[in-house]
Amino acid sequence: MTATSTVLVSGGTGFIGMPVLERLVAGEREVHAIPRRPAPPEIEGVRWHHLNLADAAGVKRLLARLRPEQLIHTAWY
């Protein structure tokens, strides 16, 4: 993985998502996350994108804009 790799995490404010984000920002990555909560916690190095994952067109636009090399899906019930 290069120092400029882009990672997108869904469910970034959840029980699994938060520790994943913390580990990712400790590395040399550009970290983006989609939170479920309207006001996600301040985590230095994370760029938050408010988006409903059921909005296929919105997800497609975000992926086209970010072009992440990795996706970590932690959003579920």
Protein backbone atom coordinates (compact mmCIF):
# COMPACT_ATOMS: atom_id res chain seq x y z
CA MET A 1 0.00 0.00 0.00
CA THR A 2 1.33 3.42 -0.91
CA ALA A 3 1.48 6.40 1.42
CA THR A 4 -1.32 8.10 -0.49
CA SER A 5 -3.83 5.25 -0.63
CA THR A 6 -7.46 6.25 -0.17
CA VAL A 7 -9.73 4.22 2.10
CA LEU A 8 -13.50 4.57 2.49
CA VAL A 9 -15.17 3.18 5.62
CA SER A 10 -18.92 2.74 5.94
CA GLY A 11 -20.37 2.78 9.44
CA GLY A 12 -17.48 4.82 10.76
CA THR A 13 -19.23 5.76 14.00
CA GLY A 14 -20.15 2.22 15.01
CA PHE A 15 -18.71 -0.31 17.45
CA ILE A 16 -16.43 -1.80 14.78
CA GLY A 17 -16.04 1.28 12.59
CA MET A 18 -14.52 3.59 15.21
CA PRO A 19 -11.54 1.34 16.04
CA VAL A 20 -11.01 0.69 12.32
CA LEU A 21 -10.84 4.45 11.67
CA GLU A 22 -8.43 4.97 14.54
CA ARG A 23 -6.08 2.33 13.13
CA LEU A 24 -6.32 3.71 9.61
CA VAL A 25 -5.50 7.31 10.54
CA ALA A 26 -2.47 6.07 12.46
CA GLY A 27 -1.10 4.91 9.09
CA GLU A 28 -0.24 6.91 5.99
CA ARG A 29 -3.68 6.87 4.37
CA GLU A 30 -6.30 9.31 3.17
CA VAL A 31 -9.29 8.20 5.25
CA HIS A 32 -12.92 8.91 4.34
CA ALA A 33 -15.93 7.65 6.26
CA ILE A 34 -19.70 7.52 5.98
CA PRO A 35 -21.31 7.94 9.41
CA ARG A 36 -24.76 6.89 10.54
CA ARG A 37 -24.92 9.63 13.15
CA PRO A 38 -25.67 13.19 12.04
CA ALA A 39 -22.75 14.61 14.04
CA PRO A 40 -19.80 12.23 13.87
CA PRO A 41 -17.00 12.51 16.42
CA GLU A 42 -13.99 14.62 15.61
CA ILE A 43 -11.23 12.26 14.56
CA GLU A 44 -8.20 14.02 13.16
CA GLY A 45 -7.47 12.73 9.69
CA VAL A 46 -10.99 11.49 8.84
CA ARG A 47 -13.08 13.20 6.19
CA TRP A 48 -16.78 12.56 6.78
CA HIS A 49 -19.35 12.18 3.98
CA HIS A 50 -23.04 12.24 4.95
CA LEU A 51 -24.81 9.83 2.64
CA ASN A 52 -27.57 7.25 2.78
CA LEU A 53 -26.05 3.97 1.57
CA ALA A 54 -29.44 3.07 0.04
CA ASP A 55 -29.02 6.06 -2.33
CA ALA A 56 -27.34 4.22 -5.21
CA ALA A 57 -26.81 7.36 -7.29
CA GLY A 58 -25.26 9.20 -4.34
CA VAL A 59 -22.95 6.29 -3.57
CA LYS A 60 -21.91 6.11 -7.22
CA ARG A 61 -21.09 9.84 -7.26
CA LEU A 62 -19.05 9.59 -4.06
CA LEU A 63 -17.08 6.60 -5.34
CA ALA A 64 -16.41 8.35 -8.65
CA ARG A 65 -15.16 11.44 -6.81
CA LEU A 66 -13.01 9.67 -4.20
CA ARG A 67 -11.87 6.66 -6.24
CA PRO A 68 -10.89 4.74 -3.08
CA GLU A 69 -8.42 1.91 -3.39
CA GLN A 70 -10.04 0.13 -0.45
CA LEU A 71 -13.53 -0.08 1.00
CA ILE A 72 -14.14 -1.34 4.52
CA HIS A 73 -17.83 -1.99 5.11
CA THR A 74 -18.72 -1.93 8.81
CA ALA A 75 -22.29 -0.60 8.51
CA TRP A 76 -24.88 -3.16 9.57
CA TYR A 77 -27.41 -3.98 12.22
